[in-house]
Amino acid sequence: MTSIPNASQAAIIQDLADVIVANKAWLSEIDGKIGDGDHGSNMAKGFSRAADRIAGQDITLDAGLLVLSDVLMSEIGGSMGPLYGLMFADMAGAMQGHDRIDADLFSAALNAGLQAVQGVGNAKVGDKTLVDALAPAVAAFDAAMANGFAAALDDMAHAAEAGRDSTIDLVAKIGRSSRLGERSRGVLDAGATSCCLILTSLGQSVRTRLS
């Protein structure tokens, strides 16, 4: 079990949409404590629209991620849509033209997505953003690759969860919530939470398709 085909992977985008829609209320509840409270609704709208547009189509995973990117960047409000849009676009770019996606290529996609996110706002681990889930997850995947693709995906998910949970004790340093200072402590970061959901869902979807 070392790779998945790039072709015919619209279902992976549907899996991502399903988990975001299922957690719509929770994401908005978290966001409402130190933000605008619309993160869940915006994300659910974008992901579900993308899934609807590729439903029934025989498209590659990178093409599906590009559809998702386009929708998030152009059709939903808030700051997170464009940020995730850039992440998915660069992940798709790393996969484009490849017939199969193995651990090395998946790592390249993850690292491209991380670089895209950090290139926009220069966020780093500890700033209470989605990077607190994304960066440790990418590092964990890369560190575990020698143990196999499946094991690396498992470690990625566990690191994303730990990164998400770490944001409870952090003070926001970037974005609107940074204006709250110490009052932002004690609450999960909505971006780190949605990023964790995305990474764990993506990991599970890929893992079940390994051959």
N, C-alpha and C. Protein backbone atom coordinates (compact mmCIF):
# COMPACT_ATOMS: atom_id res chain seq x y z
N MET A 1 0.85 -1.19 0.00
CA MET A 1 0.00 0.00 0.00
C MET A 1 0.89 1.24 0.00
N THR A 2 1.27 1.66 -1.20
CA THR A 2 2.26 2.73 -1.29
C THR A 2 1.79 3.98 -2.01
N SER A 3 0.60 3.91 -2.66
CA SER A 3 0.15 5.09 -3.40
C SER A 3 -1.34 4.99 -3.71
N ILE A 4 -1.88 6.10 -4.22
CA ILE A 4 -3.26 6.10 -4.71
C ILE A 4 -3.24 6.66 -6.13
N PRO A 5 -4.21 6.29 -6.95
CA PRO A 5 -4.29 6.90 -8.28
C PRO A 5 -4.71 8.36 -8.15
N ASN A 6 -4.19 9.20 -9.01
CA ASN A 6 -4.61 10.60 -9.03
C ASN A 6 -5.98 10.73 -9.70
N ALA A 7 -6.26 9.83 -10.61
CA ALA A 7 -7.51 9.89 -11.37
C ALA A 7 -8.71 9.47 -10.52
N SER A 8 -9.87 9.97 -10.93
CA SER A 8 -11.16 9.55 -10.36
C SER A 8 -11.22 9.71 -8.84
N GLN A 9 -10.90 10.90 -8.35
CA GLN A 9 -10.87 11.12 -6.91
C GLN A 9 -11.81 12.23 -6.44
N ALA A 10 -12.89 12.44 -7.17
CA ALA A 10 -13.87 13.45 -6.74
C ALA A 10 -14.42 13.13 -5.36
N ALA A 11 -14.47 11.84 -5.01
CA ALA A 11 -15.03 11.44 -3.72
C ALA A 11 -14.23 11.99 -2.55
N ILE A 12 -12.93 12.21 -2.74
CA ILE A 12 -12.12 12.76 -1.65
C ILE A 12 -12.55 14.18 -1.34
N ILE A 13 -12.89 14.96 -2.36
CA ILE A 13 -13.39 16.32 -2.14
C ILE A 13 -14.75 16.25 -1.44
N GLN A 14 -15.56 15.28 -1.81
CA GLN A 14 -16.86 15.11 -1.15
C GLN A 14 -16.66 14.76 0.32
N ASP A 15 -15.68 13.92 0.62
CA ASP A 15 -15.38 13.59 2.01
C ASP A 15 -15.01 14.83 2.81
N LEU A 16 -14.19 15.70 2.20
CA LEU A 16 -13.80 16.94 2.87
C LEU A 16 -15.03 17.82 3.13
N ALA A 17 -15.88 17.93 2.12
CA ALA A 17 -17.09 18.74 2.27
C ALA A 17 -17.99 18.18 3.37
N ASP A 18 -18.12 16.87 3.41
CA ASP A 18 -18.99 16.25 4.41
C ASP A 18 -18.54 16.57 5.83
N VAL A 19 -17.22 16.50 6.09
CA VAL A 19 -16.74 16.73 7.45
C VAL A 19 -16.84 18.20 7.83
N ILE A 20 -16.65 19.09 6.88
CA ILE A 20 -16.79 20.52 7.17
C ILE A 20 -18.25 20.88 7.43
N VAL A 21 -19.15 20.37 6.60
CA VAL A 21 -20.57 20.64 6.79
C VAL A 21 -21.06 20.06 8.11
N ALA A 22 -20.60 18.87 8.44
CA ALA A 22 -21.02 18.22 9.70
C ALA A 22 -20.56 19.01 10.92
N ASN A 23 -19.48 19.76 10.78
CA ASN A 23 -18.94 20.52 11.91
C ASN A 23 -19.17 22.02 11.76
N LYS A 24 -20.08 22.40 10.89
CA LYS A 24 -20.38 23.81 10.62
C LYS A 24 -20.72 24.58 11.89
N ALA A 25 -21.63 24.07 12.69
CA ALA A 25 -22.07 24.78 13.89
C ALA A 25 -20.94 24.90 14.90
N TRP A 26 -20.16 23.83 15.06
CA TRP A 26 -19.04 23.85 16.02
C TRP A 26 -18.00 24.88 15.62
N LEU A 27 -17.66 24.92 14.34
CA LEU A 27 -16.66 25.87 13.87
C LEU A 27 -17.13 27.31 14.08
N SER A 28 -18.40 27.56 13.83
CA SER A 28 -18.93 28.91 14.03
C SER A 28 -19.00 29.26 15.51
N GLU A 29 -19.31 28.27 16.33
CA GLU A 29 -19.36 28.51 17.78
C GLU A 29 -17.97 28.89 18.30
N ILE A 30 -16.95 28.16 17.88
CA ILE A 30 -15.58 28.47 18.28
C ILE A 30 -15.19 29.87 17.80
N ASP A 31 -15.48 30.14 16.54
CA ASP A 31 -15.11 31.42 15.95
C ASP A 31 -15.84 32.58 16.64
N GLY A 32 -17.05 32.32 17.10
CA GLY A 32 -17.83 33.38 17.73
C GLY A 32 -17.28 33.84 19.06
N LYS A 33 -16.44 33.03 19.67
CA LYS A 33 -15.89 33.39 20.98
C LYS A 33 -14.81 34.46 20.89
N ILE A 34 -14.06 34.47 19.80
CA ILE A 34 -13.01 35.48 19.66
C ILE A 34 -12.96 36.07 18.24
N GLY A 35 -13.96 35.73 17.42
CA GLY A 35 -13.98 36.22 16.04
C GLY A 35 -15.37 36.63 15.62
N ASP A 36 -15.62 36.55 14.31
CA ASP A 36 -16.90 37.00 13.76
C ASP A 36 -18.01 35.96 13.86
N GLY A 37 -17.66 34.72 14.11
CA GLY A 37 -18.66 33.68 14.25
C GLY A 37 -19.19 33.12 12.94
N ASP A 38 -18.50 33.41 11.83
CA ASP A 38 -19.00 32.96 10.53
C ASP A 38 -18.09 31.93 9.86
N HIS A 39 -17.09 31.46 10.58
CA HIS A 39 -16.13 30.55 9.96
C HIS A 39 -16.80 29.26 9.49
N GLY A 40 -17.63 28.68 10.32
CA GLY A 40 -18.30 27.44 9.96
C GLY A 40 -19.23 27.59 8.78
N SER A 41 -20.02 28.64 8.77
CA SER A 41 -20.97 28.85 7.67
C SER A 41 -20.25 29.15 6.36
N ASN A 42 -19.21 29.96 6.42
CA ASN A 42 -18.45 30.26 5.20
C ASN A 42 -17.76 29.03 4.64
N MET A 43 -17.13 28.27 5.51
CA MET A 43 -16.43 27.07 5.06
C MET A 43 -17.40 26.04 4.50
N ALA A 44 -18.51 25.83 5.20
CA ALA A 44 -19.49 24.85 4.74
C ALA A 44 -20.05 25.24 3.37
N LYS A 45 -20.30 26.52 3.19
CA LYS A 45 -20.80 27.00 1.89
C LYS A 45 -19.80 26.71 0.79
N GLY A 46 -18.54 27.04 1.02
CA GLY A 46 -17.53 26.85 0.00
C GLY A 46 -17.28 25.40 -0.33
N PHE A 47 -17.11 24.59 0.68
CA PHE A 47 -16.80 23.17 0.45
C PHE A 47 -17.97 22.45 -0.20
N SER A 48 -19.18 22.74 0.24
CA SER A 48 -20.34 22.06 -0.34
C SER A 48 -20.57 22.48 -1.79
N ARG A 49 -20.33 23.76 -2.09
CA ARG A 49 -20.45 24.20 -3.49
C ARG A 49 -19.44 23.50 -4.39
N ALA A 50 -18.22 23.39 -3.91
CA ALA A 50 -17.19 22.72 -4.70
C ALA A 50 -17.54 21.26 -4.92
N ALA A 51 -18.00 20.60 -3.87
CA ALA A 51 -18.37 19.18 -4.00
C ALA A 51 -19.52 19.01 -4.98
N ASP A 52 -20.49 19.92 -4.95
CA ASP A 52 -21.63 19.84 -5.88
C ASP A 52 -21.17 19.99 -7.32
N ARG A 53 -20.19 20.85 -7.55
CA ARG A 53 -19.75 21.13 -8.92
C ARG A 53 -18.97 19.99 -9.55
N ILE A 54 -18.34 19.18 -8.72
CA ILE A 54 -17.58 18.07 -9.31
C ILE A 54 -18.28 16.73 -9.13
N ALA A 55 -19.45 16.74 -8.54
CA ALA A 55 -20.19 15.49 -8.31
C ALA A 55 -20.44 14.76 -9.63
N GLY A 56 -20.10 13.49 -9.65
CA GLY A 56 -20.33 12.69 -10.85
C GLY A 56 -19.28 12.84 -11.93
N GLN A 57 -18.31 13.72 -11.71
CA GLN A 57 -17.27 13.93 -12.71
C GLN A 57 -16.08 13.00 -12.45
N ASP A 58 -15.46 12.58 -13.52
CA ASP A 58 -14.27 11.74 -13.42
C ASP A 58 -13.05 12.66 -13.48
N ILE A 59 -12.64 13.20 -12.33
CA ILE A 59 -11.55 14.16 -12.31
C ILE A 59 -10.44 13.70 -11.36
N THR A 60 -9.27 14.21 -11.61
CA THR A 60 -8.12 13.90 -10.76
C THR A 60 -8.26 14.63 -9.42
N LEU A 61 -7.47 14.19 -8.45
CA LEU A 61 -7.48 14.85 -7.15
C LEU A 61 -7.00 16.29 -7.26
N ASP A 62 -5.97 16.52 -8.07
CA ASP A 62 -5.49 17.90 -8.19
C ASP A 62 -6.54 18.80 -8.85
N ALA A 63 -7.29 18.26 -9.81
CA ALA A 63 -8.34 19.06 -10.44
C ALA A 63 -9.46 19.37 -9.44
N GLY A 64 -9.77 18.41 -8.60
CA GLY A 64 -10.78 18.64 -7.57
C GLY A 64 -10.34 19.68 -6.57
N LEU A 65 -9.08 19.64 -6.20
CA LEU A 65 -8.55 20.65 -5.26
C LEU A 65 -8.55 22.03 -5.90
N LEU A 66 -8.35 22.11 -7.20
CA LEU A 66 -8.39 23.40 -7.88
C LEU A 66 -9.81 23.98 -7.90
N VAL A 67 -10.80 23.13 -8.11
CA VAL A 67 -12.19 23.59 -8.03
C VAL A 67 -12.48 24.12 -6.64
N LEU A 68 -12.05 23.38 -5.63
CA LEU A 68 -12.24 23.81 -4.25
C LEU A 68 -11.54 25.14 -4.01
N SER A 69 -10.33 25.27 -4.51
CA SER A 69 -9.58 26.50 -4.37
C SER A 69 -10.31 27.68 -5.00
N ASP A 70 -10.79 27.48 -6.22
CA ASP A 70 -11.47 28.56 -6.94
C ASP A 70 -12.71 29.04 -6.18
N VAL A 71 -13.48 28.10 -5.66
CA VAL A 71 -14.69 28.46 -4.93
C VAL A 71 -14.36 29.21 -3.64
N LEU A 72 -13.39 28.70 -2.90
CA LEU A 72 -13.03 29.33 -1.64
C LEU A 72 -12.47 30.73 -1.84
N MET A 73 -11.75 30.94 -2.92
CA MET A 73 -11.12 32.23 -3.16
C MET A 73 -12.08 33.27 -3.72
N SER A 74 -13.12 32.81 -4.40
CA SER A 74 -13.97 33.78 -5.10
C SER A 74 -15.41 33.87 -4.62
N GLU A 75 -15.85 32.89 -3.82
CA GLU A 75 -17.29 32.86 -3.54
C GLU A 75 -17.68 32.86 -2.07
N ILE A 76 -16.72 32.87 -1.15
CA ILE A 76 -17.11 32.93 0.26
C ILE A 76 -16.44 34.12 0.92
N GLY A 77 -17.05 34.59 1.99
CA GLY A 77 -16.53 35.74 2.69
C GLY A 77 -15.48 35.36 3.72
N GLY A 78 -14.98 36.39 4.41
CA GLY A 78 -13.99 36.16 5.45
C GLY A 78 -12.58 36.05 4.90
N SER A 79 -11.63 35.97 5.81
CA SER A 79 -10.23 35.91 5.41
C SER A 79 -9.74 34.49 5.14
N MET A 80 -10.46 33.50 5.68
CA MET A 80 -9.97 32.14 5.59
C MET A 80 -10.18 31.52 4.21
N GLY A 81 -11.19 31.95 3.49
CA GLY A 81 -11.43 31.39 2.17
C GLY A 81 -10.24 31.55 1.24
N PRO A 82 -9.75 32.78 1.05
CA PRO A 82 -8.58 32.96 0.20
C PRO A 82 -7.34 32.22 0.71
N LEU A 83 -7.19 32.15 2.03
CA LEU A 83 -6.02 31.48 2.59
C LEU A 83 -6.05 29.99 2.27
N TYR A 84 -7.19 29.36 2.52
CA TYR A 84 -7.32 27.94 2.17
C TYR A 84 -7.28 27.76 0.65
N GLY A 85 -7.81 28.73 -0.08
CA GLY A 85 -7.77 28.64 -1.54
C GLY A 85 -6.35 28.56 -2.06
N LEU A 86 -5.48 29.39 -1.53
CA LEU A 86 -4.07 29.35 -1.92
C LEU A 86 -3.43 28.03 -1.52
N MET A 87 -3.76 27.55 -0.33
CA MET A 87 -3.20 26.28 0.14
C MET A 87 -3.56 25.14 -0.80
N PHE A 88 -4.84 25.04 -1.16
CA PHE A 88 -5.28 23.95 -2.03
C PHE A 88 -4.74 24.11 -3.45
N ALA A 89 -4.61 25.34 -3.91
CA ALA A 89 -4.07 25.56 -5.25
C ALA A 89 -2.63 25.08 -5.35
N ASP A 90 -1.83 25.39 -4.33
CA ASP A 90 -0.43 24.97 -4.37
C ASP A 90 -0.28 23.47 -4.13
N MET A 91 -1.17 22.90 -3.33
CA MET A 91 -1.17 21.44 -3.18
C MET A 91 -1.49 20.78 -4.51
N ALA A 92 -2.48 21.31 -5.22
CA ALA A 92 -2.86 20.76 -6.52
C ALA A 92 -1.71 20.89 -7.51
N GLY A 93 -1.00 22.01 -7.46
CA GLY A 93 0.12 22.22 -8.36
C GLY A 93 1.20 21.17 -8.19
N ALA A 94 1.42 20.74 -6.96
CA ALA A 94 2.43 19.72 -6.71
C ALA A 94 2.02 18.35 -7.26
N MET A 95 0.70 18.09 -7.32
CA MET A 95 0.20 16.80 -7.79
C MET A 95 -0.02 16.74 -9.29
N GLN A 96 -0.17 17.89 -9.91
CA GLN A 96 -0.56 17.94 -11.31
C GLN A 96 0.42 17.19 -12.21
N GLY A 97 -0.15 16.39 -13.13
CA GLY A 97 0.67 15.67 -14.10
C GLY A 97 1.16 14.31 -13.64
N HIS A 98 0.82 13.95 -12.39
CA HIS A 98 1.27 12.66 -11.86
C HIS A 98 0.12 11.66 -11.91
N ASP A 99 0.42 10.44 -12.35
CA ASP A 99 -0.60 9.40 -12.43
C ASP A 99 -0.94 8.83 -11.06
N ARG A 100 0.06 8.75 -10.19
CA ARG A 100 -0.17 8.21 -8.86
C ARG A 100 0.44 9.14 -7.81
N ILE A 101 -0.16 9.11 -6.64
CA ILE A 101 0.29 9.95 -5.53
C ILE A 101 0.85 9.04 -4.45
N ASP A 102 2.17 9.09 -4.28
CA ASP A 102 2.80 8.31 -3.22
C ASP A 102 3.16 9.23 -2.06
N ALA A 103 3.84 8.69 -1.07
CA ALA A 103 4.15 9.48 0.13
C ALA A 103 5.02 10.68 -0.20
N ASP A 104 5.98 10.51 -1.10
CA ASP A 104 6.85 11.62 -1.47
C ASP A 104 6.07 12.76 -2.12
N LEU A 105 5.17 12.39 -3.02
CA LEU A 105 4.39 13.42 -3.69
C LEU A 105 3.39 14.07 -2.73
N PHE A 106 2.81 13.28 -1.85
CA PHE A 106 1.88 13.83 -0.86
C PHE A 106 2.62 14.80 0.06
N SER A 107 3.84 14.45 0.43
CA SER A 107 4.67 15.35 1.23
C SER A 107 4.93 16.66 0.50
N ALA A 108 5.24 16.55 -0.79
CA ALA A 108 5.49 17.75 -1.58
C ALA A 108 4.26 18.64 -1.62
N ALA A 109 3.08 18.01 -1.72
CA ALA A 109 1.83 18.78 -1.74
C ALA A 109 1.58 19.45 -0.39
N LEU A 110 1.79 18.71 0.69
CA LEU A 110 1.61 19.28 2.03
C LEU A 110 2.55 20.46 2.26
N ASN A 111 3.79 20.29 1.89
CA ASN A 111 4.77 21.36 2.10
C ASN A 111 4.47 22.57 1.22
N ALA A 112 3.97 22.33 0.02
CA ALA A 112 3.58 23.44 -0.85
C ALA A 112 2.41 24.21 -0.24
N GLY A 113 1.46 23.48 0.32
CA GLY A 113 0.33 24.13 0.97
C GLY A 113 0.75 24.96 2.17
N LEU A 114 1.65 24.40 2.97
CA LEU A 114 2.16 25.12 4.15
C LEU A 114 2.89 26.39 3.73
N GLN A 115 3.73 26.28 2.72
CA GLN A 115 4.47 27.45 2.24
C GLN A 115 3.54 28.53 1.71
N ALA A 116 2.46 28.11 1.06
CA ALA A 116 1.50 29.08 0.54
C ALA A 116 0.84 29.86 1.68
N VAL A 117 0.45 29.14 2.72
CA VAL A 117 -0.20 29.78 3.86
C VAL A 117 0.76 30.73 4.58
N GLN A 118 1.96 30.25 4.84
CA GLN A 118 2.92 31.08 5.57
C GLN A 118 3.43 32.23 4.72
N GLY A 119 3.37 32.08 3.41
CA GLY A 119 3.83 33.15 2.53
C GLY A 119 2.91 34.35 2.52
N VAL A 120 1.66 34.15 2.92
CA VAL A 120 0.69 35.25 2.93
C VAL A 120 0.79 36.08 4.20
N GLY A 121 0.70 35.43 5.35
CA GLY A 121 0.65 36.18 6.59
C GLY A 121 1.85 36.02 7.49
N ASN A 122 2.82 35.22 7.05
CA ASN A 122 4.02 34.97 7.85
C ASN A 122 3.70 34.38 9.22
N ALA A 123 2.58 33.69 9.34
CA ALA A 123 2.22 33.07 10.61
C ALA A 123 3.16 31.93 10.92
N LYS A 124 3.44 31.75 12.18
CA LYS A 124 4.29 30.65 12.63
C LYS A 124 3.61 29.94 13.79
N VAL A 125 4.15 28.79 14.14
CA VAL A 125 3.59 28.02 15.25
C VAL A 125 3.67 28.88 16.51
N GLY A 126 2.55 28.93 17.23
CA GLY A 126 2.47 29.73 18.44
C GLY A 126 1.69 31.02 18.27
N ASP A 127 1.32 31.35 17.02
CA ASP A 127 0.57 32.58 16.76
C ASP A 127 -0.94 32.40 16.88
N LYS A 128 -1.40 31.19 17.15
CA LYS A 128 -2.82 30.86 17.27
C LYS A 128 -3.54 31.04 15.93
N THR A 129 -3.08 30.29 14.95
CA THR A 129 -3.68 30.27 13.62
C THR A 129 -3.74 28.84 13.13
N LEU A 130 -4.20 28.66 11.92
CA LEU A 130 -4.25 27.31 11.34
C LEU A 130 -2.86 26.70 11.22
N VAL A 131 -1.81 27.52 11.20
CA VAL A 131 -0.44 27.01 11.12
C VAL A 131 -0.10 26.15 12.33
N ASP A 132 -0.75 26.39 13.46
CA ASP A 132 -0.49 25.58 14.65
C ASP A 132 -0.92 24.14 14.47
N ALA A 133 -1.86 23.89 13.57
CA ALA A 133 -2.23 22.52 13.23
C ALA A 133 -1.49 22.04 12.00
N LEU A 134 -1.34 22.92 11.01
CA LEU A 134 -0.76 22.52 9.72
C LEU A 134 0.73 22.22 9.79
N ALA A 135 1.50 23.10 10.39
CA ALA A 135 2.97 22.91 10.41
C ALA A 135 3.38 21.64 11.15
N PRO A 136 2.86 21.38 12.35
CA PRO A 136 3.24 20.13 13.03
C PRO A 136 2.77 18.88 12.27
N ALA A 137 1.63 18.99 11.60
CA ALA A 137 1.12 17.85 10.85
C ALA A 137 2.03 17.52 9.67
N VAL A 138 2.49 18.54 8.96
CA VAL A 138 3.40 18.34 7.84
C VAL A 138 4.72 17.75 8.34
N ALA A 139 5.22 18.31 9.43
CA ALA A 139 6.48 17.81 9.99
C ALA A 139 6.35 16.36 10.44
N ALA A 140 5.22 16.02 11.05
CA ALA A 140 5.01 14.65 11.52
C ALA A 140 4.91 13.67 10.34
N PHE A 141 4.22 14.09 9.28
CA PHE A 141 4.14 13.22 8.10
C PHE A 141 5.52 12.95 7.54
N ASP A 142 6.29 14.00 7.37
CA ASP A 142 7.64 13.85 6.80
C ASP A 142 8.52 12.96 7.67
N ALA A 143 8.40 13.12 8.99
CA ALA A 143 9.23 12.34 9.91
C ALA A 143 8.88 10.86 9.90
N ALA A 144 7.63 10.54 9.56
CA ALA A 144 7.17 9.15 9.62
C ALA A 144 7.15 8.45 8.27
N MET A 145 7.57 9.12 7.23
CA MET A 145 7.50 8.53 5.89
C MET A 145 8.26 7.22 5.76
N ALA A 146 9.34 7.10 6.49
CA ALA A 146 10.14 5.87 6.42
C ALA A 146 9.36 4.65 6.93
N ASN A 147 8.31 4.90 7.70
CA ASN A 147 7.48 3.82 8.24
C ASN A 147 6.33 3.45 7.32
N GLY A 148 6.23 4.12 6.19
CA GLY A 148 5.16 3.83 5.24
C GLY A 148 4.15 4.96 5.14
N PHE A 149 3.45 4.98 4.02
CA PHE A 149 2.47 6.03 3.73
C PHE A 149 1.36 6.04 4.79
N ALA A 150 0.82 4.88 5.10
CA ALA A 150 -0.30 4.81 6.05
C ALA A 150 0.11 5.31 7.43
N ALA A 151 1.28 4.89 7.90
CA ALA A 151 1.76 5.32 9.20
C ALA A 151 1.99 6.83 9.23
N ALA A 152 2.50 7.37 8.13
CA ALA A 152 2.74 8.81 8.06
C ALA A 152 1.42 9.58 8.10
N LEU A 153 0.40 9.06 7.44
CA LEU A 153 -0.92 9.70 7.48
C LEU A 153 -1.49 9.69 8.89
N ASP A 154 -1.30 8.58 9.60
CA ASP A 154 -1.78 8.50 10.98
C ASP A 154 -1.06 9.53 11.86
N ASP A 155 0.25 9.62 11.72
CA ASP A 155 1.01 10.59 12.51
C ASP A 155 0.63 12.02 12.16
N MET A 156 0.35 12.27 10.89
CA MET A 156 -0.10 13.59 10.47
C MET A 156 -1.39 13.98 11.19
N ALA A 157 -2.33 13.06 11.26
CA ALA A 157 -3.61 13.34 11.91
C ALA A 157 -3.43 13.60 13.41
N HIS A 158 -2.62 12.78 14.05
CA HIS A 158 -2.39 12.96 15.49
C HIS A 158 -1.72 14.30 15.77
N ALA A 159 -0.76 14.69 14.93
CA ALA A 159 -0.08 15.96 15.13
C ALA A 159 -1.02 17.13 14.88
N ALA A 160 -1.91 17.00 13.91
CA ALA A 160 -2.88 18.05 13.64
C ALA A 160 -3.81 18.25 14.83
N GLU A 161 -4.23 17.15 15.43
CA GLU A 161 -5.10 17.22 16.61
C GLU A 161 -4.39 17.87 17.79
N ALA A 162 -3.13 17.48 18.01
CA ALA A 162 -2.36 18.07 19.10
C ALA A 162 -2.12 19.56 18.85
N GLY A 163 -1.86 19.91 17.60
CA GLY A 163 -1.66 21.31 17.26
C GLY A 163 -2.91 22.13 17.47
N ARG A 164 -4.04 21.58 17.04
CA ARG A 164 -5.32 22.25 17.29
C ARG A 164 -5.53 22.49 18.78
N ASP A 165 -5.33 21.46 19.58
CA ASP A 165 -5.57 21.57 21.02
C ASP A 165 -4.61 22.55 21.69
N SER A 166 -3.42 22.71 21.13
CA SER A 166 -2.44 23.61 21.71
C SER A 166 -2.89 25.07 21.65
N THR A 167 -3.79 25.38 20.73
CA THR A 167 -4.20 26.78 20.57
C THR A 167 -5.06 27.27 21.73
N ILE A 168 -5.59 26.36 22.53
CA ILE A 168 -6.39 26.79 23.69
C ILE A 168 -5.57 27.67 24.61
N ASP A 169 -4.32 27.34 24.80
CA ASP A 169 -3.47 28.07 25.75
C ASP A 169 -2.69 29.21 25.12
N LEU A 170 -2.95 29.50 23.85
CA LEU A 170 -2.19 30.54 23.16
C LEU A 170 -2.95 31.86 23.12
N VAL A 171 -2.20 32.94 23.01
CA VAL A 171 -2.76 34.28 22.80
C VAL A 171 -2.62 34.59 21.31
N ALA A 172 -3.71 35.03 20.69
CA ALA A 172 -3.69 35.32 19.27
C ALA A 172 -2.75 36.47 18.95
N LYS A 173 -1.92 36.28 17.93
CA LYS A 173 -0.95 37.30 17.53
C LYS A 173 -1.19 37.82 16.12
N ILE A 174 -2.11 37.17 15.39
CA ILE A 174 -2.39 37.55 14.02
C ILE A 174 -3.90 37.56 13.81
N GLY A 175 -4.39 38.49 13.02
CA GLY A 175 -5.81 38.55 12.70
C GLY A 175 -6.61 39.37 13.70
N ARG A 176 -7.92 39.38 13.47
CA ARG A 176 -8.80 40.20 14.30
C ARG A 176 -8.76 39.83 15.78
N SER A 177 -8.65 38.54 16.04
CA SER A 177 -8.65 38.10 17.44
C SER A 177 -7.42 38.57 18.20
N SER A 178 -6.37 38.98 17.47
CA SER A 178 -5.16 39.45 18.15
C SER A 178 -5.43 40.73 18.95
N ARG A 179 -6.48 41.45 18.57
CA ARG A 179 -6.82 42.68 19.30
C ARG A 179 -7.33 42.40 20.71
N LEU A 180 -7.72 41.15 20.94
CA LEU A 180 -8.25 40.79 22.26
C LEU A 180 -7.15 40.53 23.28
N GLY A 181 -5.93 40.32 22.81
CA GLY A 181 -4.83 40.06 23.73
C GLY A 181 -5.09 38.83 24.57
N GLU A 182 -4.91 38.95 25.87
CA GLU A 182 -5.06 37.83 26.79
C GLU A 182 -6.47 37.24 26.78
N ARG A 183 -7.43 38.00 26.36
CA ARG A 183 -8.81 37.49 26.32
C ARG A 183 -8.99 36.41 25.25
N SER A 184 -8.03 36.31 24.33
CA SER A 184 -8.12 35.25 23.32
C SER A 184 -7.63 33.91 23.84
N ARG A 185 -7.01 33.90 25.00
CA ARG A 185 -6.54 32.65 25.59
C ARG A 185 -7.72 31.87 26.16
N GLY A 186 -7.62 30.54 26.12
CA GLY A 186 -8.67 29.70 26.68
C GLY A 186 -9.69 29.22 25.68
N VAL A 187 -9.49 29.55 24.41
CA VAL A 187 -10.42 29.17 23.34
C VAL A 187 -9.63 28.55 22.19
N LEU A 188 -10.17 27.51 21.59
CA LEU A 188 -9.55 26.94 20.39
C LEU A 188 -9.55 27.97 19.27
N ASP A 189 -8.55 27.91 18.41
CA ASP A 189 -8.55 28.74 17.22
C ASP A 189 -9.40 28.06 16.15
N ALA A 190 -10.30 28.81 15.55
CA ALA A 190 -11.21 28.23 14.55
C ALA A 190 -10.47 27.74 13.32
N GLY A 191 -9.45 28.49 12.88
CA GLY A 191 -8.69 28.07 11.72
C GLY A 191 -7.92 26.79 11.97
N ALA A 192 -7.30 26.68 13.13
CA ALA A 192 -6.58 25.46 13.47
C ALA A 192 -7.54 24.27 13.57
N THR A 193 -8.76 24.56 14.03
CA THR A 193 -9.76 23.49 14.17
C THR A 193 -10.23 23.00 12.80
N SER A 194 -10.52 23.93 11.90
CA SER A 194 -10.94 23.51 10.56
C SER A 194 -9.79 22.84 9.81
N CYS A 195 -8.58 23.32 10.02
CA CYS A 195 -7.41 22.70 9.37
C CYS A 195 -7.24 21.27 9.86
N CYS A 196 -7.44 21.05 11.13
CA CYS A 196 -7.35 19.69 11.68
C CYS A 196 -8.40 18.79 11.04
N LEU A 197 -9.61 19.29 10.90
CA LEU A 197 -10.67 18.51 10.27
C LEU A 197 -10.31 18.16 8.82
N ILE A 198 -9.75 19.13 8.12
CA ILE A 198 -9.36 18.91 6.72
C ILE A 198 -8.26 17.85 6.62
N LEU A 199 -7.24 17.99 7.46
CA LEU A 199 -6.11 17.07 7.39
C LEU A 199 -6.50 15.65 7.81
N THR A 200 -7.30 15.53 8.86
CA THR A 200 -7.70 14.19 9.30
C THR A 200 -8.61 13.52 8.27
N SER A 201 -9.52 14.30 7.68
CA SER A 201 -10.39 13.74 6.64
C SER A 201 -9.59 13.35 5.41
N LEU A 202 -8.69 14.23 4.99
CA LEU A 202 -7.86 13.93 3.83
C LEU A 202 -7.01 12.69 4.09
N GLY A 203 -6.45 12.60 5.28
CA GLY A 203 -5.64 11.44 5.63
C GLY A 203 -6.43 10.15 5.60
N GLN A 204 -7.64 10.18 6.16
CA GLN A 204 -8.48 8.99 6.17
C GLN A 204 -8.89 8.59 4.76
N SER A 205 -9.24 9.58 3.95
CA SER A 205 -9.67 9.29 2.58
C SER A 205 -8.55 8.67 1.76
N VAL A 206 -7.36 9.22 1.89
CA VAL A 206 -6.21 8.68 1.17
C VAL A 206 -5.87 7.30 1.69
N ARG A 207 -5.89 7.14 3.00
CA ARG A 207 -5.50 5.87 3.61
C ARG A 207 -6.37 4.71 3.12
N THR A 208 -7.68 4.95 2.99
CA THR A 208 -8.59 3.89 2.57
C THR A 208 -8.41 3.52 1.11
N ARG A 209 -7.74 4.36 0.34
CA ARG A 209 -7.55 4.13 -1.08
C ARG A 209 -6.16 3.63 -1.44
N LEU A 210 -5.30 3.46 -0.46
CA LEU A 210 -3.93 3.01 -0.73
C LEU A 210 -3.91 1.62 -1.33
N SER A 211 -3.04 1.44 -2.29
CA SER A 211 -2.91 0.12 -2.92
C SER A 211 -1.48 -0.07 -3.40
